[in-house]
């Protein structure tokens, strides 16, 4: 296990797997979000200090998406 890994979550969605890893390094904490589709991986890094804004934006998107159902 990575020495800088503080917490990890895994989400299965169809043929995709999402990994959400909270990590810490000398510059601070980040959430590393990785999408794995049949072995092809894409990753983004979200600084922990803006995680609240990131989650709020996702909540707004979900609310808008739910309106169409």
C-alpha atoms as a PDB file:
ATOM      1  CA  UNK A   1       0.000   0.000   0.000  1.00  0.00           C
ATOM      2  CA  UNK A   2       1.212   3.513  -0.759  1.00  0.00           C
ATOM      3  CA  UNK A   3       2.694   5.179   2.298  1.00  0.00           C
ATOM      4  CA  UNK A   4       0.853   8.417   1.446  1.00  0.00           C
ATOM      5  CA  UNK A   5      -2.566   6.731   1.029  1.00  0.00           C
ATOM      6  CA  UNK A   6      -4.948   7.798   3.806  1.00  0.00           C
ATOM      7  CA  UNK A   7      -8.252   6.344   2.560  1.00  0.00           C
ATOM      8  CA  UNK A   8      -9.601   4.640  -0.557  1.00  0.00           C
ATOM      9  CA  UNK A   9     -13.039   3.912  -2.006  1.00  0.00           C
ATOM     10  CA  UNK A  10     -14.014   1.831  -5.042  1.00  0.00           C
ATOM     11  CA  UNK A  11     -17.183   2.268  -7.120  1.00  0.00           C
ATOM     12  CA  UNK A  12     -18.279  -0.294  -9.706  1.00  0.00           C
ATOM     13  CA  UNK A  13     -20.408   1.006 -12.588  1.00  0.00           C
ATOM     14  CA  UNK A  14     -21.107  -1.330 -15.493  1.00  0.00           C
ATOM     15  CA  UNK A  15     -17.734  -1.983 -17.134  1.00  0.00           C
ATOM     16  CA  UNK A  16     -16.054   0.934 -15.343  1.00  0.00           C
ATOM     17  CA  UNK A  17     -14.340   1.013 -11.983  1.00  0.00           C
ATOM     18  CA  UNK A  18     -13.749   4.291 -10.151  1.00  0.00           C
ATOM     19  CA  UNK A  19     -11.074   4.559  -7.467  1.00  0.00           C
ATOM     20  CA  UNK A  20     -11.155   7.516  -5.066  1.00  0.00           C
ATOM     21  CA  UNK A  21      -7.952   7.788  -3.054  1.00  0.00           C
ATOM     22  CA  UNK A  22      -7.237  10.378  -0.374  1.00  0.00           C
ATOM     23  CA  UNK A  23      -3.491  10.932  -0.380  1.00  0.00           C
ATOM     24  CA  UNK A  24      -1.092  13.215   1.406  1.00  0.00           C
ATOM     25  CA  UNK A  25       2.302  14.450   0.313  1.00  0.00           C
ATOM     26  CA  UNK A  26       4.616  17.333   1.202  1.00  0.00           C
ATOM     27  CA  UNK A  27       2.301  19.792  -0.576  1.00  0.00           C
ATOM     28  CA  UNK A  28      -0.860  18.675   1.252  1.00  0.00           C
ATOM     29  CA  UNK A  29      -3.831  16.371   0.759  1.00  0.00           C
ATOM     30  CA  UNK A  30      -5.437  15.492  -2.573  1.00  0.00           C
ATOM     31  CA  UNK A  31      -8.161  13.189  -3.796  1.00  0.00           C
ATOM     32  CA  UNK A  32      -6.984  11.141  -6.754  1.00  0.00           C
ATOM     33  CA  UNK A  33      -9.942   9.993  -8.868  1.00  0.00           C
ATOM     34  CA  UNK A  34      -9.139   7.225 -11.338  1.00  0.00           C
ATOM     35  CA  UNK A  35     -11.489   5.733 -13.924  1.00  0.00           C
ATOM     36  CA  UNK A  36     -10.526   2.276 -15.199  1.00  0.00           C
ATOM     37  CA  UNK A  37     -12.266   1.000 -18.336  1.00  0.00           C
ATOM     38  CA  UNK A  38     -10.940  -2.339 -19.537  1.00  0.00           C
ATOM     39  CA  UNK A  39      -7.426  -1.496 -18.336  1.00  0.00           C
ATOM     40  CA  UNK A  40      -7.394   2.058 -19.723  1.00  0.00           C
ATOM     41  CA  UNK A  41      -7.021   4.576 -16.900  1.00  0.00           C
ATOM     42  CA  UNK A  42      -7.668   8.295 -16.657  1.00  0.00           C
ATOM     43  CA  UNK A  43      -6.924  10.228 -13.477  1.00  0.00           C
ATOM     44  CA  UNK A  44      -7.642  13.658 -12.040  1.00  0.00           C
ATOM     45  CA  UNK A  45      -6.341  15.163  -8.811  1.00  0.00           C
ATOM     46  CA  UNK A  46      -8.583  17.366  -6.646  1.00  0.00           C
ATOM     47  CA  UNK A  47      -6.866  19.379  -3.903  1.00  0.00           C
ATOM     48  CA  UNK A  48      -8.496  18.570  -0.540  1.00  0.00           C
ATOM     49  CA  UNK A  49      -8.986  22.267   0.240  1.00  0.00           C
ATOM     50  CA  UNK A  50     -11.514  22.585  -2.634  1.00  0.00           C
ATOM     51  CA  UNK A  51     -13.192  19.228  -2.013  1.00  0.00           C
ATOM     52  CA  UNK A  52     -16.263  20.939  -0.523  1.00  0.00           C
ATOM     53  CA  UNK A  53     -16.693  23.031  -3.679  1.00  0.00           C
ATOM     54  CA  UNK A  54     -16.168  19.939  -5.848  1.00  0.00           C
ATOM     55  CA  UNK A  55     -18.806  17.953  -3.926  1.00  0.00           C
ATOM     56  CA  UNK A  56     -21.241  20.920  -4.013  1.00  0.00           C
ATOM     57  CA  UNK A  57     -20.838  21.157  -7.793  1.00  0.00           C
ATOM     58  CA  UNK A  58     -21.481  17.407  -8.155  1.00  0.00           C
ATOM     59  CA  UNK A  59     -24.562  17.740  -5.913  1.00  0.00           C
ATOM     60  CA  UNK A  60     -25.880  20.545  -8.144  1.00  0.00           C
ATOM     61  CA  UNK A  61     -25.311  18.374 -11.219  1.00  0.00           C
ATOM     62  CA  UNK A  62     -27.096  15.439  -9.553  1.00  0.00           C
ATOM     63  CA  UNK A  63     -30.056  17.646  -8.594  1.00  0.00           C
ATOM     64  CA  UNK A  64     -30.348  18.874 -12.177  1.00  0.00           C
ATOM     65  CA  UNK A  65     -30.064  15.307 -13.476  1.00  0.00           C
ATOM     66  CA  UNK A  66     -32.762  14.100 -11.042  1.00  0.00           C
ATOM     67  CA  UNK A  67     -35.186  16.786 -12.300  1.00  0.00           C
ATOM     68  CA  UNK A  68     -35.378  15.037 -15.656  1.00  0.00           C
ATOM     69  CA  UNK A  69     -36.561  11.740 -14.167  1.00  0.00           C
END
